[in-house]
Amino acid sequence: MGRSLCFAALVSVLLTSILAAQTPAKPVRLGMLCPVRCAGPGYTAFEDELRKLGWVEGHNLTIERRALEGRYERASELAAEIVRSRPNLIVGPSAPIARALKDATSEIPIAFSFVANPVQIGLVQSLAHPGRNVTGVASITPGAFLAKQFEILRELLPQAQRVAVLVNPANDDHRLALAREVPMAAQFGLRVDVIEVRAPNDVPAAVESARRLRAEGLLVLGDAILNTPPNRVPNLLARTPLPALYANRDPVLAGGLIAYTPDMLAIARRHAQYVDRILRGASPADMPVEQPSRYNLIVNIKTARALGLTVPPSLLSQADEVIE
C-alpha cells in the first residue's frame, strides 16, 4: 500500500509539472486588428480552434481587439497602438492590416491570414523562408485564382462582353490584381470596368455605377469592406438583374449567385494553429507560409432562378455546394 501511495504521489507531481510547463504563468496577450469588426464566422472559427489547442480567453489568454470599421486609413494608427501595448503576438487578417503591423514592429511576432501575395507586397522574403517576424496563411495562389473567376463568368454568361469588378484600392492585393491579373479578362473576351470602393458606405454607389455602365456581370473581389455584412451586395443586386461572382462563400449563403473561393473557415482555423505554434516557442522566420490547395465553387440555384438565369450543367457538375 505504501508503494502504491508513493507511486500515485509521484504521478501527481509529474502531471502537475507537465501542466505547469504547458500553461503560461500569466495569461498570454494576443493583439488583433480587424478590417471592419472582430466578429463573424471566420473569427468564431479562429477562436474555437484556439480553445481546442488549449488557449481559453479569460483563463490563459487575453485578446486585445481593435477594429478599423472599414477605415483602412487608420491601419497605421491602430497598428502602432497595438504594438505599444506589447502583446506576445499580433494577428492581422488582410493585406493592408498585415502591412501596417509589419511596418509598426520588427520584434513582436505577427501571424497573418487572408493575404494573397505575401511575397510581392513585402511581408515575407519567400513562402518557404519568411525570414522575419511575420508568417501566416495565404488566401489564394496568385496568377490562377482570378483567371479561374473570369473563366467561370464566361461560362455562366456566354454572351456577356462587359463585366464590372469591385476593388478596394487600399488593399495591396487588389492593386497587384489590377496590374497583373485583371488584364486576363481579355483572354475570355471580356471588357472590364474597375469600380473602386474605399469605404463600406461606398458600396451602394459602386453597385449603381456597375448598373449605369451596363455591366452584364459583376466580380466582387475578396475584402472585408465588400463582404461585411455578407448580405449587403446581394441585397443591393436584388433590385437589378446583375449576376455576381464572389470570392467568399458567405454572400452566396446570404442570397448571392455564385462564389469561387478557398475554404475561409479552414484558413481561419489554420491561422489559429500558427498562433498556437508561435505562442509555444516557434519562430515565424522558420514557419513557411501556407497556400490553399483547393477552392470551392458554390452556386445558389434559387438566386439564379430569380435572375432568370440557367446555370450551365458544366458548372453545376463542378460545384462543391448547391444552394436550392
Protein backbone atom coordinates (compact mmCIF):
# COMPACT_ATOMS: atom_id res chain seq x y z
CA MET A 1 0.00 0.00 0.00
CA GLY A 2 2.84 2.34 0.86
CA ARG A 3 4.45 1.79 -2.53
CA SER A 4 1.12 2.45 -4.28
CA LEU A 5 0.68 5.72 -2.43
CA CYS A 6 4.23 6.78 -3.26
CA PHE A 7 3.71 5.91 -6.94
CA ALA A 8 0.41 7.85 -7.07
CA ALA A 9 2.07 10.83 -5.43
CA LEU A 10 4.91 10.71 -7.97
CA VAL A 11 2.48 10.57 -10.90
CA SER A 12 0.57 13.50 -9.45
CA VAL A 13 3.75 15.56 -9.15
CA LEU A 14 4.79 14.71 -12.72
CA LEU A 15 1.39 15.61 -14.15
CA THR A 16 1.38 18.87 -12.23
CA SER A 17 4.85 19.69 -13.55
CA ILE A 18 3.82 18.93 -17.14
CA LEU A 19 0.70 21.06 -16.93
CA ALA A 20 2.65 23.87 -15.32
CA ALA A 21 5.19 23.74 -18.12
CA GLN A 22 2.47 23.83 -20.77
CA THR A 23 0.44 26.64 -19.21
CA PRO A 24 1.93 30.13 -19.01
CA ALA A 25 2.35 31.58 -15.51
CA LYS A 26 0.22 34.53 -16.59
CA PRO A 27 -2.24 34.90 -19.49
CA VAL A 28 -0.73 35.31 -22.93
CA ARG A 29 -1.74 38.58 -24.59
CA LEU A 30 -2.86 38.44 -28.22
CA GLY A 31 -3.36 41.61 -30.27
CA MET A 32 -5.97 41.52 -33.03
CA LEU A 33 -6.54 44.18 -35.67
CA CYS A 34 -9.64 43.67 -37.83
CA PRO A 35 -10.65 45.34 -41.13
CA VAL A 36 -14.27 46.08 -40.21
CA ARG A 37 -15.24 44.35 -36.96
CA CYS A 38 -13.73 41.49 -34.98
CA ALA A 39 -16.74 39.24 -35.41
CA GLY A 40 -18.16 36.81 -37.92
CA PRO A 41 -17.81 33.15 -38.92
CA GLY A 42 -14.06 33.38 -39.56
CA TYR A 43 -13.33 34.92 -36.17
CA THR A 44 -15.53 32.33 -34.48
CA ALA A 45 -13.66 29.50 -36.23
CA PHE A 46 -10.32 31.08 -35.27
CA GLU A 47 -11.24 31.40 -31.59
CA ASP A 48 -12.84 27.93 -31.45
CA GLU A 49 -9.63 26.42 -32.80
CA LEU A 50 -7.57 28.32 -30.21
CA ARG A 51 -9.76 26.83 -27.47
CA LYS A 52 -9.23 23.33 -28.86
CA LEU A 53 -5.50 23.99 -28.72
CA GLY A 54 -5.72 24.97 -25.05
CA TRP A 55 -5.91 28.78 -25.29
CA VAL A 56 -9.01 29.95 -23.42
CA GLU A 57 -9.83 33.64 -23.33
CA GLY A 58 -10.26 34.79 -19.75
CA HIS A 59 -8.13 31.90 -18.47
CA ASN A 60 -4.69 31.76 -20.07
CA LEU A 61 -5.38 34.11 -22.98
CA THR A 62 -6.27 37.78 -23.28
CA ILE A 63 -7.28 39.18 -26.69
CA GLU A 64 -6.98 42.92 -27.27
CA ARG A 65 -9.18 43.71 -30.26
CA ARG A 66 -9.08 46.80 -32.44
CA ALA A 67 -11.37 47.27 -35.46
CA LEU A 68 -10.88 49.67 -38.38
CA GLU A 69 -14.62 49.74 -39.17
CA GLY A 70 -13.68 49.80 -42.84
CA ARG A 71 -11.40 52.83 -42.48
CA TYR A 72 -8.11 51.48 -43.81
CA GLU A 73 -6.53 54.92 -43.45
CA ARG A 74 -6.46 54.20 -39.70
CA ALA A 75 -4.49 50.96 -40.08
CA SER A 76 -1.09 52.50 -39.22
CA GLU A 77 -2.51 54.37 -36.23
CA LEU A 78 -4.20 51.35 -34.69
CA ALA A 79 -1.28 49.05 -35.51
CA ALA A 80 1.03 51.37 -33.59
CA GLU A 81 -1.46 51.43 -30.71
CA ILE A 82 -1.48 47.63 -30.50
CA VAL A 83 2.33 47.46 -30.67
CA ARG A 84 2.62 49.94 -27.79
CA SER A 85 0.54 47.60 -25.63
CA ARG A 86 3.31 44.96 -26.09
CA PRO A 87 1.26 41.79 -26.77
CA ASN A 88 3.01 38.44 -27.15
CA LEU A 89 1.74 38.11 -30.72
CA ILE A 90 -0.42 40.08 -33.16
CA VAL A 91 -2.83 38.65 -35.74
CA GLY A 92 -3.67 40.52 -38.91
CA PRO A 93 -6.30 39.33 -41.38
CA SER A 94 -5.94 41.02 -44.82
CA ALA A 95 -3.03 42.54 -46.70
CA PRO A 96 -3.44 46.20 -45.59
CA ILE A 97 -3.53 45.22 -41.92
CA ALA A 98 -0.60 42.82 -42.17
CA ARG A 99 1.45 45.52 -43.91
CA ALA A 100 0.58 48.10 -41.25
CA LEU A 101 1.55 45.69 -38.46
CA LYS A 102 4.83 44.77 -40.15
CA ASP A 103 5.68 48.47 -40.54
CA ALA A 104 4.88 49.02 -36.86
CA THR A 105 7.16 46.33 -35.39
CA SER A 106 10.07 44.12 -36.34
CA GLU A 107 10.14 42.40 -32.94
CA ILE A 108 6.65 41.23 -31.96
CA PRO A 109 5.60 38.09 -33.90
CA ILE A 110 2.85 38.65 -36.47
CA ALA A 111 0.62 35.90 -37.90
CA PHE A 112 -1.45 36.98 -40.91
CA SER A 113 -4.30 35.40 -42.83
CA PHE A 114 -6.33 36.20 -45.97
CA VAL A 115 -3.35 37.68 -47.81
CA ALA A 116 -2.96 36.72 -51.47
CA ASN A 117 0.54 37.97 -52.28
CA PRO A 118 2.70 37.98 -49.11
CA VAL A 119 5.99 37.91 -51.02
CA GLN A 120 5.08 40.50 -53.65
CA ILE A 121 3.83 43.04 -51.10
CA GLY A 122 6.91 42.63 -48.93
CA LEU A 123 5.53 40.78 -45.91
CA VAL A 124 7.95 37.84 -46.20
CA GLN A 125 11.15 37.08 -48.07
CA SER A 126 9.73 33.87 -49.54
CA LEU A 127 6.90 31.43 -48.85
CA ALA A 128 9.32 28.72 -47.72
CA HIS A 129 11.53 31.01 -45.63
CA PRO A 130 9.65 34.08 -44.33
CA GLY A 131 12.86 35.25 -42.67
CA ARG A 132 11.40 37.87 -40.35
CA ASN A 133 8.86 38.21 -37.54
CA VAL A 134 5.96 37.65 -39.95
CA THR A 135 4.33 34.48 -41.28
CA GLY A 136 0.85 33.12 -41.83
CA VAL A 137 -1.69 31.56 -44.14
CA ALA A 138 -2.26 32.91 -47.66
CA SER A 139 -5.75 33.04 -49.14
CA ILE A 140 -5.10 32.18 -52.79
CA THR A 141 -2.45 31.08 -55.26
CA PRO A 142 -1.63 34.23 -57.25
CA GLY A 143 -1.97 34.12 -61.02
CA ALA A 144 -4.55 31.36 -61.28
CA PHE A 145 -7.39 32.39 -58.98
CA LEU A 146 -8.68 35.46 -60.82
CA ALA A 147 -8.25 33.81 -64.20
CA LYS A 148 -10.50 30.98 -62.99
CA GLN A 149 -13.10 33.52 -61.87
CA PHE A 150 -13.15 35.12 -65.32
CA GLU A 151 -13.46 31.65 -66.83
CA ILE A 152 -16.47 30.94 -64.61
CA LEU A 153 -18.09 34.26 -65.58
CA ARG A 154 -17.60 33.46 -69.25
CA GLU A 155 -19.15 30.01 -68.82
CA LEU A 156 -22.03 31.43 -66.79
CA LEU A 157 -22.63 34.35 -69.16
CA PRO A 158 -21.57 33.13 -72.64
CA GLN A 159 -22.93 36.22 -74.41
CA ALA A 160 -21.52 38.81 -71.98
CA GLN A 161 -18.98 41.34 -73.20
CA ARG A 162 -18.67 43.70 -70.26
CA VAL A 163 -18.13 42.98 -66.55
CA ALA A 164 -17.51 45.27 -63.61
CA VAL A 165 -15.02 44.47 -60.86
CA LEU A 166 -15.38 45.92 -57.36
CA VAL A 167 -11.97 46.60 -55.79
CA ASN A 168 -10.61 48.31 -52.71
CA PRO A 169 -7.66 50.49 -53.83
CA ALA A 170 -6.28 50.47 -50.26
CA ASN A 171 -5.82 46.69 -50.48
CA ASP A 172 -2.29 45.79 -51.67
CA ASP A 173 -3.58 42.50 -53.09
CA HIS A 174 -6.19 44.30 -55.17
CA ARG A 175 -3.60 46.70 -56.59
CA LEU A 176 -1.49 43.76 -57.71
CA ALA A 177 -4.53 42.02 -59.19
CA LEU A 178 -5.40 45.15 -61.19
CA ALA A 179 -1.90 45.34 -62.62
CA ARG A 180 -1.24 41.65 -63.24
CA GLU A 181 -4.45 39.64 -63.33
CA VAL A 182 -7.44 41.77 -64.33
CA PRO A 183 -5.99 42.08 -67.88
CA MET A 184 -6.52 38.29 -68.14
CA ALA A 185 -10.21 39.04 -68.72
CA ALA A 186 -9.37 39.88 -72.34
CA GLN A 187 -8.43 36.23 -72.89
CA PHE A 188 -12.07 35.38 -72.23
CA GLY A 189 -13.45 38.14 -74.46
CA LEU A 190 -14.47 40.30 -71.50
CA ARG A 191 -14.06 44.03 -71.13
CA VAL A 192 -13.54 45.09 -67.52
CA ASP A 193 -14.75 48.24 -65.77
CA VAL A 194 -12.93 48.70 -62.46
CA ILE A 195 -15.02 50.34 -59.74
CA GLU A 196 -13.23 51.45 -56.58
CA VAL A 197 -14.78 51.04 -53.14
CA ARG A 198 -12.81 52.85 -50.42
CA ALA A 199 -15.26 52.53 -47.53
CA PRO A 200 -18.35 50.46 -46.65
CA ASN A 201 -20.65 53.39 -47.40
CA ASP A 202 -19.33 53.45 -50.98
CA VAL A 203 -20.77 50.02 -51.81
CA PRO A 204 -24.28 51.15 -52.87
CA ALA A 205 -22.86 53.79 -55.22
CA ALA A 206 -20.42 51.21 -56.65
CA VAL A 207 -23.25 48.80 -57.47
CA GLU A 208 -25.20 51.64 -59.05
CA SER A 209 -22.12 52.52 -61.14
CA ALA A 210 -21.95 48.95 -62.43
CA ARG A 211 -25.59 49.23 -63.47
CA ARG A 212 -25.06 52.59 -65.19
CA LEU A 213 -22.07 51.19 -67.08
CA ARG A 214 -24.38 48.44 -68.39
CA ALA A 215 -22.21 45.70 -66.92
CA GLU A 216 -23.53 42.25 -67.72
CA GLY A 217 -21.77 40.63 -64.78
CA LEU A 218 -20.09 41.69 -61.57
CA LEU A 219 -16.97 40.33 -59.87
CA VAL A 220 -16.60 41.15 -56.17
CA LEU A 221 -13.01 40.70 -55.03
CA GLY A 222 -12.23 39.43 -51.55
CA ASP A 223 -12.17 42.25 -48.99
CA ALA A 224 -13.97 42.79 -45.71
CA ILE A 225 -15.28 46.17 -46.87
CA LEU A 226 -17.03 44.49 -49.79
CA ASN A 227 -18.31 41.47 -47.88
CA THR A 228 -19.34 42.83 -44.46
CA PRO A 229 -22.15 42.30 -43.81
CA PRO A 230 -22.32 39.41 -46.28
CA ASN A 231 -25.84 40.29 -47.45
CA ARG A 232 -25.00 43.91 -48.40
CA VAL A 233 -24.09 43.38 -52.08
CA PRO A 234 -26.67 40.58 -52.69
CA ASN A 235 -29.42 42.79 -51.27
CA LEU A 236 -28.38 45.70 -53.49
CA LEU A 237 -28.23 43.43 -56.53
CA ALA A 238 -31.70 42.05 -55.79
CA ARG A 239 -33.01 45.31 -57.26
CA THR A 240 -31.21 44.79 -60.57
CA PRO A 241 -30.74 41.69 -62.78
CA LEU A 242 -26.95 41.73 -62.46
CA PRO A 243 -25.30 38.33 -61.85
CA ALA A 244 -22.34 38.48 -59.43
CA LEU A 245 -19.43 36.21 -58.66
CA TYR A 246 -17.92 36.46 -55.17
CA ALA A 247 -14.60 35.39 -53.65
CA ASN A 248 -16.33 34.42 -50.41
CA ARG A 249 -18.99 31.83 -49.59
CA ASP A 250 -20.95 33.97 -47.10
CA PRO A 251 -22.53 36.37 -49.64
CA VAL A 252 -23.88 33.36 -51.59
CA LEU A 253 -25.43 31.98 -48.42
CA ALA A 254 -26.99 35.44 -47.99
CA GLY A 255 -28.57 35.39 -51.45
CA GLY A 256 -25.68 35.97 -53.85
CA LEU A 257 -25.45 33.94 -57.06
CA ILE A 258 -22.09 32.17 -57.17
CA ALA A 259 -18.72 32.06 -55.43
CA TYR A 260 -15.32 30.64 -56.25
CA THR A 261 -13.42 30.68 -53.02
CA PRO A 262 -10.91 28.97 -50.76
CA ASP A 263 -12.30 27.44 -47.58
CA MET A 264 -12.26 30.58 -45.44
CA LEU A 265 -13.11 28.75 -42.21
CA ALA A 266 -10.29 26.27 -42.81
CA ILE A 267 -7.89 29.21 -43.30
CA ALA A 268 -9.11 30.77 -40.05
CA ARG A 269 -8.55 27.51 -38.17
CA ARG A 270 -5.11 27.08 -39.71
CA HIS A 271 -4.35 30.68 -38.71
CA ALA A 272 -5.09 29.71 -35.09
CA GLN A 273 -2.70 26.76 -35.38
CA TYR A 274 0.07 29.14 -36.45
CA VAL A 275 -0.70 31.31 -33.44
CA ASP A 276 -0.53 28.27 -31.17
CA ARG A 277 2.87 27.22 -32.50
CA ILE A 278 4.33 30.71 -32.13
CA LEU A 279 2.98 31.11 -28.59
CA ARG A 280 4.65 27.81 -27.72
CA GLY A 281 8.03 29.00 -28.97
CA ALA A 282 8.21 28.54 -32.76
CA SER A 283 9.89 31.32 -34.74
CA PRO A 284 7.83 32.96 -37.52
CA ALA A 285 11.00 33.22 -39.59
CA ASP A 286 11.14 29.42 -39.82
CA MET A 287 7.44 28.76 -40.44
CA PRO A 288 6.63 28.52 -44.19
CA VAL A 289 3.63 30.45 -45.44
CA GLU A 290 0.85 28.08 -46.49
CA GLN A 291 -1.36 28.46 -49.55
CA PRO A 292 -4.72 26.75 -50.08
CA SER A 293 -4.55 23.55 -52.10
CA ARG A 294 -8.12 23.67 -53.41
CA TYR A 295 -11.03 26.03 -53.97
CA ASN A 296 -14.77 25.61 -53.71
CA LEU A 297 -17.47 26.52 -56.19
CA ILE A 298 -20.80 27.41 -54.57
CA VAL A 299 -23.95 28.05 -56.62
CA ASN A 300 -27.24 29.48 -55.38
CA ILE A 301 -29.90 28.00 -57.69
CA LYS A 302 -32.68 30.00 -56.05
CA THR A 303 -30.93 33.25 -56.94
CA ALA A 304 -30.25 32.00 -60.47
CA ARG A 305 -33.97 31.37 -60.96
CA ALA A 306 -34.81 34.83 -59.62
CA LEU A 307 -32.40 36.31 -62.19
CA GLY A 308 -33.93 34.20 -64.96
CA LEU A 309 -30.54 32.59 -65.42
CA THR A 310 -29.82 28.96 -66.27
CA VAL A 311 -26.60 27.72 -64.70
CA PRO A 312 -24.84 25.51 -67.28
CA PRO A 313 -24.66 21.81 -66.33
CA SER A 314 -20.89 22.01 -66.78
CA LEU A 315 -20.70 24.49 -63.89
CA LEU A 316 -23.18 22.60 -61.73
CA SER A 317 -21.12 19.43 -62.16
CA GLN A 318 -18.09 21.30 -60.77
CA ALA A 319 -19.98 22.77 -57.81
CA ASP A 320 -18.93 21.72 -54.34
CA GLU A 321 -22.15 23.12 -52.89
CA VAL A 322 -25.51 23.89 -54.49
CA ILE A 323 -27.97 26.01 -52.54
CA GLU A 324 -31.60 25.37 -53.51
